[in-house]
Amino acid sequence: MTTQKPQKQTEHSRNFEKYKGYYDHGFWNAKMLKNAVVKKAITADEFEGITGEAYTK
């Protein structure tokens, strides 16, 4: 019998999917997402997950 480790499920802020869609479809750029981090709409980790870039202030 093999035991499977429970998969770690990442919780995202409530705006993550919406802003990711904006970025993926070209409506928003990285600068706009940085502003969303400053306003605490998404986290710096979420910024990095969406853009693939490291978040810097």
Protein backbone atom coordinates (compact mmCIF):
# COMPACT_ATOMS: atom_id res chain seq x y z
CA MET A 1 0.00 0.00 0.00
CA THR A 2 1.40 3.37 -0.96
CA THR A 3 0.56 6.51 0.87
CA GLN A 4 0.12 9.70 -1.01
CA LYS A 5 1.13 12.98 0.48
CA PRO A 6 -1.72 15.44 0.54
CA GLN A 7 -1.24 18.03 -2.14
CA LYS A 8 -0.57 21.47 -0.81
CA GLN A 9 -3.29 23.70 -2.11
CA THR A 10 -2.37 27.32 -2.56
CA GLU A 11 -4.87 29.89 -1.43
CA HIS A 12 -5.03 33.02 -3.49
CA SER A 13 -6.52 36.39 -2.75
CA ARG A 14 -10.01 36.95 -4.05
CA ASN A 15 -8.71 39.12 -6.90
CA PHE A 16 -6.02 36.72 -8.13
CA GLU A 17 -7.97 35.01 -10.93
CA LYS A 18 -9.46 38.28 -12.17
CA TYR A 19 -6.10 40.08 -12.34
CA LYS A 20 -4.36 37.03 -13.81
CA GLY A 21 -6.96 37.06 -16.58
CA TYR A 22 -6.38 40.76 -17.21
CA TYR A 23 -2.63 40.13 -17.49
CA ASP A 24 -2.94 36.98 -19.59
CA HIS A 25 -5.25 38.69 -22.09
CA GLY A 26 -3.01 41.77 -22.36
CA PHE A 27 -5.36 44.21 -20.66
CA TRP A 28 -2.89 44.79 -17.80
CA ASN A 29 0.89 44.94 -17.71
CA ALA A 30 3.39 44.22 -14.91
CA LYS A 31 3.37 47.84 -13.74
CA MET A 32 -0.38 47.72 -13.25
CA LEU A 33 -0.06 44.49 -11.27
CA LYS A 34 2.61 46.11 -9.07
CA ASN A 35 0.07 48.80 -8.25
CA ALA A 36 -2.36 46.06 -7.25
CA VAL A 37 0.27 44.72 -4.83
CA VAL A 38 0.77 48.20 -3.33
CA LYS A 39 -3.00 48.48 -2.85
CA LYS A 40 -2.97 44.97 -1.29
CA ALA A 41 -5.37 43.57 -3.89
CA ILE A 42 -2.88 40.75 -4.57
CA THR A 43 0.30 39.62 -2.83
CA ALA A 44 3.87 39.90 -4.06
CA ASP A 45 3.95 36.10 -4.40
CA GLU A 46 0.84 36.24 -6.57
CA PHE A 47 2.47 38.95 -8.70
CA GLU A 48 5.42 36.62 -9.25
CA GLY A 49 3.11 33.73 -10.07
CA ILE A 50 1.22 35.77 -12.66
CA THR A 51 4.13 37.52 -14.37
CA GLY A 52 7.01 35.12 -13.77
CA GLU A 53 9.04 38.13 -12.63
CA ALA A 54 10.39 38.82 -9.16
CA TYR A 55 8.46 41.57 -7.37
CA THR A 56 10.55 44.62 -6.53
CA LYS A 57 9.30 47.93 -5.22
